[in-house]
Amino acid sequence: MNGTRIAAVGHYQPAKVLTNEDLAGMVDTSDEWIKSRVGIRTRHIAGPDEPVDELASHAGAKALAAAGLAPGAVDLVVVATSTAVDRSPNTAARVAARLGIPSPAALDVNVVCAGFTHALATADHAVRAGAASRALVIGADKMSDVTDWTDRTTCVLVGDGAGAAVVEGVEGEPGIGPVFWGSVPEMGHAVRIEGTPPRFAQEGQSVYRWATTQLPAVARKACERAGFAPEELAAVVLHQANLRIIEPLAEKIGAVNAVVARDVTESGNTSAASIPLALSKLVEHGEISTGDPVLLFGFGGNLSYAGQVVRCP
């Protein structure tokens, strides 16, 4: 095999929906204040008996079902998450156990909001190198566990969920383009989950300026590596951080003919889950078609970024 493709996707969100009106009863905020600043209307919140690996497993099972595959067909599980409670067993191993995947390589990737695109690149490299034949790649985060629900600047942003993709080898034209990735380590403090207990915090204005001024050129380089001009893209799926970041960033990339994922309005910022969750919904709703070129671009925590152009499954 000289390339890989995404064979199928799937997603999962907890049943509980937290509205802006609900938040207005918890902190000094309002529906109008939240929508005007971040564009979010609702978010899904997992219960205390719904750990990250359970969210991930539901999404992974849906992706496997969509691909028509049994768990034994997978020999690599990569989970992007920054909200796992335990250090070991890692989330990937717990997902493999839940799904009955018999003997995979199982690893977690913690690149926070850019986690899924890093995990996808890792799986792409492994399959192309012959180290794996088929991978289950999942982005899953339970941001509600690391949120200060008395801080109105952060609690209005977050949601919980998971999204997954099945990656397999392909002959001929690759379905996953080369990754373009990097970071700004000296600004890593701008988005963080730190302390005991860990809490999510960010320097919102710094992140906004970085995302809207520095990242358009980076995203265009991901397109260039894949051999696409931005105007050839059918869709753009950016990390669902904030509608005020997504819309100007998508415009500056120059993808004038593309559907722009705006799942943040319904799901909030789900960190590593946001890109596969939004992609899976675009596929489910028929907004993009098999073979369409789609830019996936993650950015955020660590001030890391990673993007690649993929063919829609």
C-alpha atoms as a PDB file:
ATOM      1  CA  MET A   1       0.000   0.000   0.000  1.00  0.00           C
ATOM      2  CA  ASN A   2       1.344   3.439  -0.879  1.00  0.00           C
ATOM      3  CA  GLY A   3      -1.314   5.445   0.900  1.00  0.00           C
ATOM      4  CA  THR A   4      -4.243   5.381   3.288  1.00  0.00           C
ATOM      5  CA  ARG A   5      -7.851   6.449   3.371  1.00  0.00           C
ATOM      6  CA  ILE A   6     -10.602   7.042   5.878  1.00  0.00           C
ATOM      7  CA  ALA A   7     -12.984   4.129   5.338  1.00  0.00           C
ATOM      8  CA  ALA A   8     -15.720   5.336   7.694  1.00  0.00           C
ATOM      9  CA  VAL A   9     -16.478   7.730  10.532  1.00  0.00           C
ATOM     10  CA  GLY A  10     -18.748   7.778  13.570  1.00  0.00           C
ATOM     11  CA  HIS A  11     -19.531   9.992  16.533  1.00  0.00           C
ATOM     12  CA  TYR A  12     -21.158   9.981  19.946  1.00  0.00           C
ATOM     13  CA  GLN A  13     -22.470  12.623  22.344  1.00  0.00           C
ATOM     14  CA  PRO A  14     -23.976  12.190  25.811  1.00  0.00           C
ATOM     15  CA  ALA A  15     -27.734  12.549  26.132  1.00  0.00           C
ATOM     16  CA  LYS A  16     -27.702  15.494  28.559  1.00  0.00           C
ATOM     17  CA  VAL A  17     -27.905  18.879  26.809  1.00  0.00           C
ATOM     18  CA  LEU A  18     -26.867  22.036  28.647  1.00  0.00           C
ATOM     19  CA  THR A  19     -28.348  25.201  27.155  1.00  0.00           C
ATOM     20  CA  ASN A  20     -27.247  28.802  27.497  1.00  0.00           C
ATOM     21  CA  GLU A  21     -30.339  29.390  29.639  1.00  0.00           C
ATOM     22  CA  ASP A  22     -29.194  26.615  31.970  1.00  0.00           C
ATOM     23  CA  LEU A  23     -25.792  28.276  32.303  1.00  0.00           C
ATOM     24  CA  ALA A  24     -27.438  31.621  33.036  1.00  0.00           C
ATOM     25  CA  GLY A  25     -28.822  29.996  36.174  1.00  0.00           C
ATOM     26  CA  MET A  26     -25.325  28.906  37.230  1.00  0.00           C
ATOM     27  CA  VAL A  27     -23.117  31.929  36.499  1.00  0.00           C
ATOM     28  CA  ASP A  28     -23.507  35.589  35.580  1.00  0.00           C
ATOM     29  CA  THR A  29     -24.174  35.186  31.860  1.00  0.00           C
ATOM     30  CA  SER A  30     -26.997  35.105  29.313  1.00  0.00           C
ATOM     31  CA  ASP A  31     -27.946  33.451  26.060  1.00  0.00           C
ATOM     32  CA  GLU A  32     -27.285  36.709  24.179  1.00  0.00           C
ATOM     33  CA  TRP A  33     -23.845  37.183  25.829  1.00  0.00           C
ATOM     34  CA  ILE A  34     -22.707  33.654  24.973  1.00  0.00           C
ATOM     35  CA  LYS A  35     -23.974  33.628  21.375  1.00  0.00           C
ATOM     36  CA  SER A  36     -22.511  37.056  20.615  1.00  0.00           C
ATOM     37  CA  ARG A  37     -19.054  36.107  21.890  1.00  0.00           C
ATOM     38  CA  VAL A  38     -18.606  32.439  20.964  1.00  0.00           C
ATOM     39  CA  GLY A  39     -21.649  31.447  18.889  1.00  0.00           C
ATOM     40  CA  ILE A  40     -22.540  28.464  21.097  1.00  0.00           C
ATOM     41  CA  ARG A  41     -26.183  27.623  21.850  1.00  0.00           C
ATOM     42  CA  THR A  42     -25.974  24.193  23.457  1.00  0.00           C
ATOM     43  CA  ARG A  43     -23.437  21.580  24.528  1.00  0.00           C
ATOM     44  CA  HIS A  44     -23.643  17.913  25.619  1.00  0.00           C
ATOM     45  CA  ILE A  45     -22.427  16.969  29.107  1.00  0.00           C
ATOM     46  CA  ALA A  46     -21.474  13.462  30.211  1.00  0.00           C
ATOM     47  CA  GLY A  47     -22.586  12.125  33.571  1.00  0.00           C
ATOM     48  CA  PRO A  48     -20.286  10.973  36.382  1.00  0.00           C
ATOM     49  CA  ASP A  49     -20.737   7.364  35.231  1.00  0.00           C
ATOM     50  CA  GLU A  50     -19.645   8.153  31.642  1.00  0.00           C
ATOM     51  CA  PRO A  51     -15.823   8.147  31.496  1.00  0.00           C
ATOM     52  CA  VAL A  52     -13.826   9.243  28.463  1.00  0.00           C
ATOM     53  CA  ASP A  53     -13.178   5.684  27.304  1.00  0.00           C
ATOM     54  CA  GLU A  54     -16.920   5.003  27.210  1.00  0.00           C
ATOM     55  CA  LEU A  55     -17.537   8.048  25.000  1.00  0.00           C
ATOM     56  CA  ALA A  56     -14.659   6.943  22.762  1.00  0.00           C
ATOM     57  CA  SER A  57     -15.914   3.368  22.557  1.00  0.00           C
ATOM     58  CA  HIS A  58     -19.385   4.408  21.415  1.00  0.00           C
ATOM     59  CA  ALA A  59     -17.894   6.512  18.609  1.00  0.00           C
ATOM     60  CA  GLY A  60     -15.439   3.771  17.666  1.00  0.00           C
ATOM     61  CA  ALA A  61     -18.176   1.151  17.504  1.00  0.00           C
ATOM     62  CA  LYS A  62     -20.195   3.356  15.154  1.00  0.00           C
ATOM     63  CA  ALA A  63     -17.210   3.893  12.872  1.00  0.00           C
ATOM     64  CA  LEU A  64     -16.511   0.151  12.720  1.00  0.00           C
ATOM     65  CA  ALA A  65     -20.169  -0.565  11.967  1.00  0.00           C
ATOM     66  CA  ALA A  66     -20.196   2.050   9.206  1.00  0.00           C
ATOM     67  CA  ALA A  67     -17.109   0.394   7.700  1.00  0.00           C
ATOM     68  CA  GLY A  68     -18.707  -3.046   7.949  1.00  0.00           C
ATOM     69  CA  LEU A  69     -15.802  -4.333  10.039  1.00  0.00           C
ATOM     70  CA  ALA A  70     -15.498  -6.650  13.006  1.00  0.00           C
ATOM     71  CA  PRO A  71     -13.268  -5.497  15.891  1.00  0.00           C
ATOM     72  CA  GLY A  72     -10.684  -8.121  14.990  1.00  0.00           C
ATOM     73  CA  ALA A  73      -9.940  -6.302  11.731  1.00  0.00           C
ATOM     74  CA  VAL A  74      -8.197  -3.514  13.680  1.00  0.00           C
ATOM     75  CA  ASP A  75      -4.582  -3.831  14.815  1.00  0.00           C
ATOM     76  CA  LEU A  76      -3.913  -0.248  15.942  1.00  0.00           C
ATOM     77  CA  VAL A  77      -5.995   1.956  18.246  1.00  0.00           C
ATOM     78  CA  VAL A  78      -4.998   5.600  18.667  1.00  0.00           C
ATOM     79  CA  VAL A  79      -7.031   7.813  20.988  1.00  0.00           C
ATOM     80  CA  ALA A  80      -6.511  11.570  21.181  1.00  0.00           C
ATOM     81  CA  THR A  81      -7.540  12.871  24.593  1.00  0.00           C
ATOM     82  CA  SER A  82      -6.330  15.248  27.291  1.00  0.00           C
ATOM     83  CA  THR A  83      -8.997  14.471  29.898  1.00  0.00           C
ATOM     84  CA  ALA A  84      -8.321  10.842  30.836  1.00  0.00           C
ATOM     85  CA  VAL A  85      -8.428  10.507  34.618  1.00  0.00           C
ATOM     86  CA  ASP A  86      -6.058   7.552  34.908  1.00  0.00           C
ATOM     87  CA  ARG A  87      -2.508   7.242  33.613  1.00  0.00           C
ATOM     88  CA  SER A  88      -2.736   3.492  33.079  1.00  0.00           C
ATOM     89  CA  PRO A  89      -4.392   1.596  31.492  1.00  0.00           C
ATOM     90  CA  ASN A  90      -4.485   4.247  28.828  1.00  0.00           C
ATOM     91  CA  THR A  91      -7.718   5.189  27.092  1.00  0.00           C
ATOM     92  CA  ALA A  92      -6.845   3.299  23.913  1.00  0.00           C
ATOM     93  CA  ALA A  93      -6.355   0.045  25.826  1.00  0.00           C
ATOM     94  CA  ARG A  94      -9.670   0.514  27.604  1.00  0.00           C
ATOM     95  CA  VAL A  95     -11.402   1.209  24.300  1.00  0.00           C
ATOM     96  CA  ALA A  96      -9.886  -1.932  22.809  1.00  0.00           C
ATOM     97  CA  ALA A  97     -11.154  -3.945  25.765  1.00  0.00           C
ATOM     98  CA  ARG A  98     -14.652  -2.462  25.537  1.00  0.00           C
ATOM     99  CA  LEU A  99     -14.878  -3.150  21.798  1.00  0.00           C
ATOM    100  CA  GLY A 100     -13.257  -6.578  21.879  1.00  0.00           C
ATOM    101  CA  ILE A 101     -10.284  -5.666  19.687  1.00  0.00           C
ATOM    102  CA  PRO A 102      -8.016  -8.637  20.416  1.00  0.00           C
ATOM    103  CA  SER A 103      -4.346  -7.563  20.279  1.00  0.00           C
ATOM    104  CA  PRO A 104      -3.844  -4.042  18.920  1.00  0.00           C
ATOM    105  CA  ALA A 105      -1.061  -1.601  19.487  1.00  0.00           C
ATOM    106  CA  ALA A 106      -2.831   0.892  21.751  1.00  0.00           C
ATOM    107  CA  LEU A 107      -1.650   4.431  22.389  1.00  0.00           C
ATOM    108  CA  ASP A 108      -3.000   7.749  23.557  1.00  0.00           C
ATOM    109  CA  VAL A 109      -2.022  11.074  21.999  1.00  0.00           C
ATOM    110  CA  ASN A 110      -2.314  14.248  24.081  1.00  0.00           C
ATOM    111  CA  VAL A 111      -2.174  17.289  21.824  1.00  0.00           C
ATOM    112  CA  VAL A 112      -5.380  18.715  23.295  1.00  0.00           C
ATOM    113  CA  CYS A 113      -7.493  20.455  20.634  1.00  0.00           C
ATOM    114  CA  ALA A 114      -5.172  19.400  17.798  1.00  0.00           C
ATOM    115  CA  GLY A 115      -5.169  15.835  19.078  1.00  0.00           C
ATOM    116  CA  PHE A 116      -7.288  14.177  16.422  1.00  0.00           C
ATOM    117  CA  THR A 117      -5.328  15.478  13.449  1.00  0.00           C
ATOM    118  CA  HIS A 118      -2.095  14.414  15.172  1.00  0.00           C
ATOM    119  CA  ALA A 119      -3.573  10.974  15.874  1.00  0.00           C
ATOM    120  CA  LEU A 120      -4.787  10.661  12.285  1.00  0.00           C
ATOM    121  CA  ALA A 121      -1.312  11.495  10.997  1.00  0.00           C
ATOM    122  CA  THR A 122       0.222   8.940  13.376  1.00  0.00           C
ATOM    123  CA  ALA A 123      -2.110   6.215  12.106  1.00  0.00           C
ATOM    124  CA  ASP A 124      -1.522   7.246   8.486  1.00  0.00           C
ATOM    125  CA  HIS A 125       2.231   6.951   8.968  1.00  0.00           C
ATOM    126  CA  ALA A 126       1.947   3.581  10.735  1.00  0.00           C
ATOM    127  CA  VAL A 127      -0.235   2.000   8.055  1.00  0.00           C
ATOM    128  CA  ARG A 128       1.845   3.373   5.168  1.00  0.00           C
ATOM    129  CA  ALA A 129       5.011   2.074   6.852  1.00  0.00           C
ATOM    130  CA  GLY A 130       3.508  -1.387   7.229  1.00  0.00           C
ATOM    131  CA  ALA A 131       3.462  -1.263  11.037  1.00  0.00           C
ATOM    132  CA  ALA A 132      -0.329  -1.679  11.041  1.00  0.00           C
ATOM    133  CA  SER A 133      -2.932  -2.783   8.535  1.00  0.00           C
ATOM    134  CA  ARG A 134      -5.976  -0.976   9.861  1.00  0.00           C
ATOM    135  CA  ALA A 135      -6.354   1.639  12.600  1.00  0.00           C
ATOM    136  CA  LEU A 136      -9.200   2.970  14.692  1.00  0.00           C
ATOM    137  CA  VAL A 137      -8.502   6.656  15.380  1.00  0.00           C
ATOM    138  CA  ILE A 138     -10.622   8.415  17.992  1.00  0.00           C
ATOM    139  CA  GLY A 139     -10.805  11.924  19.411  1.00  0.00           C
ATOM    140  CA  ALA A 140     -12.586  11.954  22.780  1.00  0.00           C
ATOM    141  CA  ASP A 141     -12.721  14.439  25.614  1.00  0.00           C
ATOM    142  CA  LYS A 142     -14.810  15.013  28.710  1.00  0.00           C
ATOM    143  CA  MET A 143     -14.117  18.691  29.160  1.00  0.00           C
ATOM    144  CA  SER A 144     -16.788  18.987  31.833  1.00  0.00           C
ATOM    145  CA  ASP A 145     -14.418  17.127  34.184  1.00  0.00           C
ATOM    146  CA  VAL A 146     -11.736  19.823  33.958  1.00  0.00           C
ATOM    147  CA  THR A 147     -13.978  22.898  33.910  1.00  0.00           C
ATOM    148  CA  ASP A 148     -14.458  25.482  36.647  1.00  0.00           C
ATOM    149  CA  TRP A 149     -18.231  25.854  36.514  1.00  0.00           C
ATOM    150  CA  THR A 150     -18.032  29.167  38.392  1.00  0.00           C
ATOM    151  CA  ASP A 151     -15.853  30.793  35.685  1.00  0.00           C
ATOM    152  CA  ARG A 152     -18.150  32.227  33.027  1.00  0.00           C
ATOM    153  CA  THR A 153     -15.290  32.836  30.580  1.00  0.00           C
ATOM    154  CA  THR A 154     -14.561  29.111  30.228  1.00  0.00           C
ATOM    155  CA  CYS A 155     -17.613  27.144  31.365  1.00  0.00           C
ATOM    156  CA  VAL A 156     -19.719  28.533  28.517  1.00  0.00           C
ATOM    157  CA  LEU A 157     -17.315  27.029  25.978  1.00  0.00           C
ATOM    158  CA  VAL A 158     -17.032  23.354  26.757  1.00  0.00           C
ATOM    159  CA  GLY A 159     -18.842  20.160  25.833  1.00  0.00           C
ATOM    160  CA  ASP A 160     -18.211  16.415  25.915  1.00  0.00           C
ATOM    161  CA  GLY A 161     -18.154  13.913  23.070  1.00  0.00           C
ATOM    162  CA  ALA A 162     -16.177  11.669  20.754  1.00  0.00           C
ATOM    163  CA  GLY A 163     -15.597  11.104  17.062  1.00  0.00           C
ATOM    164  CA  ALA A 164     -13.838   8.242  15.300  1.00  0.00           C
ATOM    165  CA  ALA A 165     -12.401   7.211  11.944  1.00  0.00           C
ATOM    166  CA  VAL A 166     -11.298   3.883  10.503  1.00  0.00           C
ATOM    167  CA  VAL A 167      -8.002   4.244   8.617  1.00  0.00           C
ATOM    168  CA  GLU A 168      -6.815   1.580   6.175  1.00  0.00           C
ATOM    169  CA  GLY A 169      -4.284   1.155   3.391  1.00  0.00           C
ATOM    170  CA  VAL A 170      -5.174   1.908  -0.206  1.00  0.00           C
ATOM    171  CA  GLU A 171      -3.522   1.417  -3.560  1.00  0.00           C
ATOM    172  CA  GLY A 172      -3.414   4.312  -5.975  1.00  0.00           C
ATOM    173  CA  GLU A 173      -4.315   7.855  -4.970  1.00  0.00           C
ATOM    174  CA  PRO A 174      -4.110   8.355  -1.183  1.00  0.00           C
ATOM    175  CA  GLY A 175      -7.220   9.425   0.684  1.00  0.00           C
ATOM    176  CA  ILE A 176      -5.254  11.101   3.490  1.00  0.00           C
ATOM    177  CA  GLY A 177      -2.847  13.840   2.455  1.00  0.00           C
ATOM    178  CA  PRO A 178       0.486  14.694   4.095  1.00  0.00           C
ATOM    179  CA  VAL A 179       0.227  16.339   7.474  1.00  0.00           C
ATOM    180  CA  PHE A 180       1.529  19.831   8.111  1.00  0.00           C
ATOM    181  CA  TRP A 181       2.093  20.247  11.827  1.00  0.00           C
ATOM    182  CA  GLY A 182       3.983  22.248  14.407  1.00  0.00           C
ATOM    183  CA  SER A 183       3.606  24.339  17.549  1.00  0.00           C
ATOM    184  CA  VAL A 184       4.540  27.574  19.320  1.00  0.00           C
ATOM    185  CA  PRO A 185       6.033  26.220  22.578  1.00  0.00           C
ATOM    186  CA  GLU A 186       6.823  29.609  24.067  1.00  0.00           C
ATOM    187  CA  MET A 187       3.080  30.416  23.967  1.00  0.00           C
ATOM    188  CA  GLY A 188       1.922  27.054  25.256  1.00  0.00           C
ATOM    189  CA  HIS A 189       0.622  28.633  28.465  1.00  0.00           C
ATOM    190  CA  ALA A 190      -2.127  30.405  26.495  1.00  0.00           C
ATOM    191  CA  VAL A 191      -4.299  27.258  26.612  1.00  0.00           C
ATOM    192  CA  ARG A 192      -3.786  24.904  29.518  1.00  0.00           C
ATOM    193  CA  ILE A 193      -5.264  22.196  31.731  1.00  0.00           C
ATOM    194  CA  GLU A 194      -3.228  22.398  34.914  1.00  0.00           C
ATOM    195  CA  GLY A 195      -3.325  21.945  38.673  1.00  0.00           C
ATOM    196  CA  THR A 196      -4.828  19.548  41.184  1.00  0.00           C
ATOM    197  CA  PRO A 197      -7.626  19.058  40.404  1.00  0.00           C
ATOM    198  CA  PRO A 198      -6.842  19.955  36.783  1.00  0.00           C
ATOM    199  CA  ARG A 199      -8.686  22.953  35.399  1.00  0.00           C
ATOM    200  CA  PHE A 200      -9.041  24.347  31.896  1.00  0.00           C
ATOM    201  CA  ALA A 201      -7.948  27.965  31.435  1.00  0.00           C
ATOM    202  CA  GLN A 202      -6.920  30.104  28.503  1.00  0.00           C
ATOM    203  CA  GLU A 203      -5.840  33.563  27.449  1.00  0.00           C
ATOM    204  CA  GLY A 204      -8.673  34.138  25.046  1.00  0.00           C
ATOM    205  CA  GLN A 205      -7.459  37.245  23.248  1.00  0.00           C
ATOM    206  CA  SER A 206      -3.996  35.790  22.630  1.00  0.00           C
ATOM    207  CA  VAL A 207      -5.506  32.610  21.206  1.00  0.00           C
ATOM    208  CA  TYR A 208      -7.912  34.584  19.021  1.00  0.00           C
ATOM    209  CA  ARG A 209      -5.134  36.748  17.549  1.00  0.00           C
ATOM    210  CA  TRP A 210      -2.889  33.737  16.924  1.00  0.00           C
ATOM    211  CA  ALA A 211      -5.634  31.695  15.297  1.00  0.00           C
ATOM    212  CA  THR A 212      -6.956  34.416  13.018  1.00  0.00           C
ATOM    213  CA  THR A 213      -3.617  35.917  11.956  1.00  0.00           C
ATOM    214  CA  GLN A 214      -1.051  33.096  11.963  1.00  0.00           C
ATOM    215  CA  LEU A 215      -3.038  29.973  11.144  1.00  0.00           C
ATOM    216  CA  PRO A 216      -4.532  30.781   7.708  1.00  0.00           C
ATOM    217  CA  ALA A 217      -1.091  30.489   6.085  1.00  0.00           C
ATOM    218  CA  VAL A 218      -0.432  27.238   7.964  1.00  0.00           C
ATOM    219  CA  ALA A 219      -3.721  25.744   6.796  1.00  0.00           C
ATOM    220  CA  ARG A 220      -2.961  26.720   3.205  1.00  0.00           C
ATOM    221  CA  LYS A 221       0.358  24.857   3.477  1.00  0.00           C
ATOM    222  CA  ALA A 222      -1.549  21.700   4.403  1.00  0.00           C
ATOM    223  CA  CYS A 223      -3.597  22.158   1.229  1.00  0.00           C
ATOM    224  CA  GLU A 224      -0.455  22.760  -0.798  1.00  0.00           C
ATOM    225  CA  ARG A 225       1.162  19.567   0.487  1.00  0.00           C
ATOM    226  CA  ALA A 226      -1.891  17.603  -0.604  1.00  0.00           C
ATOM    227  CA  GLY A 227      -1.890  19.210  -4.045  1.00  0.00           C
ATOM    228  CA  PHE A 228      -5.111  21.190  -3.608  1.00  0.00           C
ATOM    229  CA  ALA A 229      -5.875  24.855  -3.938  1.00  0.00           C
ATOM    230  CA  PRO A 230      -8.171  26.118  -1.155  1.00  0.00           C
ATOM    231  CA  GLU A 231     -10.941  26.877  -3.656  1.00  0.00           C
ATOM    232  CA  GLU A 232     -10.987  23.182  -4.645  1.00  0.00           C
ATOM    233  CA  LEU A 233     -12.003  22.053  -1.160  1.00  0.00           C
ATOM    234  CA  ALA A 234     -15.529  20.741  -0.675  1.00  0.00           C
ATOM    235  CA  ALA A 235     -15.451  21.299   3.081  1.00  0.00           C
ATOM    236  CA  VAL A 236     -13.342  22.786   5.855  1.00  0.00           C
ATOM    237  CA  VAL A 237     -13.494  21.194   9.300  1.00  0.00           C
ATOM    238  CA  LEU A 238     -11.572  23.329  11.764  1.00  0.00           C
ATOM    239  CA  HIS A 239     -11.250  22.689  15.478  1.00  0.00           C
ATOM    240  CA  GLN A 240     -14.596  23.813  16.854  1.00  0.00           C
ATOM    241  CA  ALA A 241     -13.244  26.313  19.354  1.00  0.00           C
ATOM    242  CA  ASN A 242     -15.386  29.381  18.905  1.00  0.00           C
ATOM    243  CA  LEU A 243     -17.520  30.592  16.001  1.00  0.00           C
ATOM    244  CA  ARG A 244     -15.694  33.944  16.113  1.00  0.00           C
ATOM    245  CA  ILE A 245     -12.457  32.068  15.349  1.00  0.00           C
ATOM    246  CA  ILE A 246     -13.854  29.524  12.873  1.00  0.00           C
ATOM    247  CA  GLU A 247     -15.558  31.956  10.506  1.00  0.00           C
ATOM    248  CA  PRO A 248     -12.699  34.440   9.949  1.00  0.00           C
ATOM    249  CA  LEU A 249     -10.137  31.625   9.788  1.00  0.00           C
ATOM    250  CA  ALA A 250     -12.138  29.747   7.153  1.00  0.00           C
ATOM    251  CA  GLU A 251     -12.547  32.955   5.140  1.00  0.00           C
ATOM    252  CA  LYS A 252      -8.820  33.754   5.266  1.00  0.00           C
ATOM    253  CA  ILE A 253      -7.889  30.242   4.119  1.00  0.00           C
ATOM    254  CA  GLY A 254      -9.686  31.059   0.862  1.00  0.00           C
ATOM    255  CA  ALA A 255     -11.931  27.993   0.654  1.00  0.00           C
ATOM    256  CA  VAL A 256     -14.658  29.986  -1.060  1.00  0.00           C
ATOM    257  CA  ASN A 257     -16.612  26.983  -2.342  1.00  0.00           C
ATOM    258  CA  ALA A 258     -16.401  24.877   0.805  1.00  0.00           C
ATOM    259  CA  VAL A 259     -18.950  23.891   3.396  1.00  0.00           C
ATOM    260  CA  VAL A 260     -17.618  25.177   6.728  1.00  0.00           C
ATOM    261  CA  ALA A 261     -18.362  22.978   9.736  1.00  0.00           C
ATOM    262  CA  ARG A 262     -20.090  24.953  12.498  1.00  0.00           C
ATOM    263  CA  ASP A 263     -20.914  22.153  14.932  1.00  0.00           C
ATOM    264  CA  VAL A 264     -19.567  24.323  17.754  1.00  0.00           C
ATOM    265  CA  THR A 265     -22.974  26.005  17.886  1.00  0.00           C
ATOM    266  CA  GLU A 266     -24.605  22.719  18.974  1.00  0.00           C
ATOM    267  CA  SER A 267     -21.736  20.933  20.715  1.00  0.00           C
ATOM    268  CA  GLY A 268     -19.437  23.570  22.189  1.00  0.00           C
ATOM    269  CA  ASN A 269     -15.684  23.068  22.315  1.00  0.00           C
ATOM    270  CA  THR A 270     -15.114  19.315  22.687  1.00  0.00           C
ATOM    271  CA  SER A 271     -11.325  19.573  22.309  1.00  0.00           C
ATOM    272  CA  ALA A 272      -9.882  16.504  20.517  1.00  0.00           C
ATOM    273  CA  ALA A 273     -13.393  15.264  19.687  1.00  0.00           C
ATOM    274  CA  SER A 274     -14.429  18.375  17.783  1.00  0.00           C
ATOM    275  CA  ILE A 275     -13.007  17.635  14.322  1.00  0.00           C
ATOM    276  CA  PRO A 276     -14.122  13.985  13.946  1.00  0.00           C
ATOM    277  CA  LEU A 277     -17.472  14.840  15.549  1.00  0.00           C
ATOM    278  CA  ALA A 278     -18.085  17.653  13.064  1.00  0.00           C
ATOM    279  CA  LEU A 279     -16.825  15.577  10.110  1.00  0.00           C
ATOM    280  CA  SER A 280     -19.059  12.649  11.017  1.00  0.00           C
ATOM    281  CA  LYS A 281     -22.095  14.933  11.204  1.00  0.00           C
ATOM    282  CA  LEU A 282     -21.348  16.427   7.767  1.00  0.00           C
ATOM    283  CA  VAL A 283     -21.208  12.880   6.345  1.00  0.00           C
ATOM    284  CA  GLU A 284     -24.335  11.780   8.221  1.00  0.00           C
ATOM    285  CA  HIS A 285     -26.331  14.793   7.019  1.00  0.00           C
ATOM    286  CA  GLY A 286     -25.196  14.360   3.404  1.00  0.00           C
ATOM    287  CA  GLU A 287     -23.521  17.755   3.241  1.00  0.00           C
ATOM    288  CA  ILE A 288     -20.410  16.209   1.638  1.00  0.00           C
ATOM    289  CA  SER A 289     -20.071  13.217  -0.673  1.00  0.00           C
ATOM    290  CA  THR A 290     -17.709  10.275  -0.952  1.00  0.00           C
ATOM    291  CA  GLY A 291     -14.408  11.364  -2.472  1.00  0.00           C
ATOM    292  CA  ASP A 292     -14.832  15.063  -1.708  1.00  0.00           C
ATOM    293  CA  PRO A 293     -11.603  16.782  -0.561  1.00  0.00           C
ATOM    294  CA  VAL A 294     -11.943  18.052   3.007  1.00  0.00           C
ATOM    295  CA  LEU A 295      -9.439  20.073   5.021  1.00  0.00           C
ATOM    296  CA  LEU A 296      -9.132  18.935   8.638  1.00  0.00           C
ATOM    297  CA  PHE A 297      -7.243  21.468  10.762  1.00  0.00           C
ATOM    298  CA  GLY A 298      -6.728  21.238  14.499  1.00  0.00           C
ATOM    299  CA  PHE A 299      -5.212  23.927  16.710  1.00  0.00           C
ATOM    300  CA  GLY A 300      -5.198  25.044  20.334  1.00  0.00           C
ATOM    301  CA  GLY A 301      -3.592  23.551  23.434  1.00  0.00           C
ATOM    302  CA  ASN A 302       0.229  23.797  23.535  1.00  0.00           C
ATOM    303  CA  LEU A 303      -0.473  26.228  20.686  1.00  0.00           C
ATOM    304  CA  SER A 304      -0.049  23.152  18.515  1.00  0.00           C
ATOM    305  CA  TYR A 305      -1.531  22.739  15.058  1.00  0.00           C
ATOM    306  CA  ALA A 306      -1.889  19.958  12.514  1.00  0.00           C
ATOM    307  CA  GLY A 307      -3.803  19.739   9.263  1.00  0.00           C
ATOM    308  CA  GLN A 308      -4.294  17.445   6.311  1.00  0.00           C
ATOM    309  CA  VAL A 309      -6.633  17.161   3.349  1.00  0.00           C
ATOM    310  CA  VAL A 310      -8.625  13.914   3.339  1.00  0.00           C
ATOM    311  CA  ARG A 311     -11.102  12.352   0.948  1.00  0.00           C
ATOM    312  CA  CYS A 312     -14.583  12.049   2.411  1.00  0.00           C
ATOM    313  CA  PRO A 313     -15.463   8.384   3.114  1.00  0.00           C
END
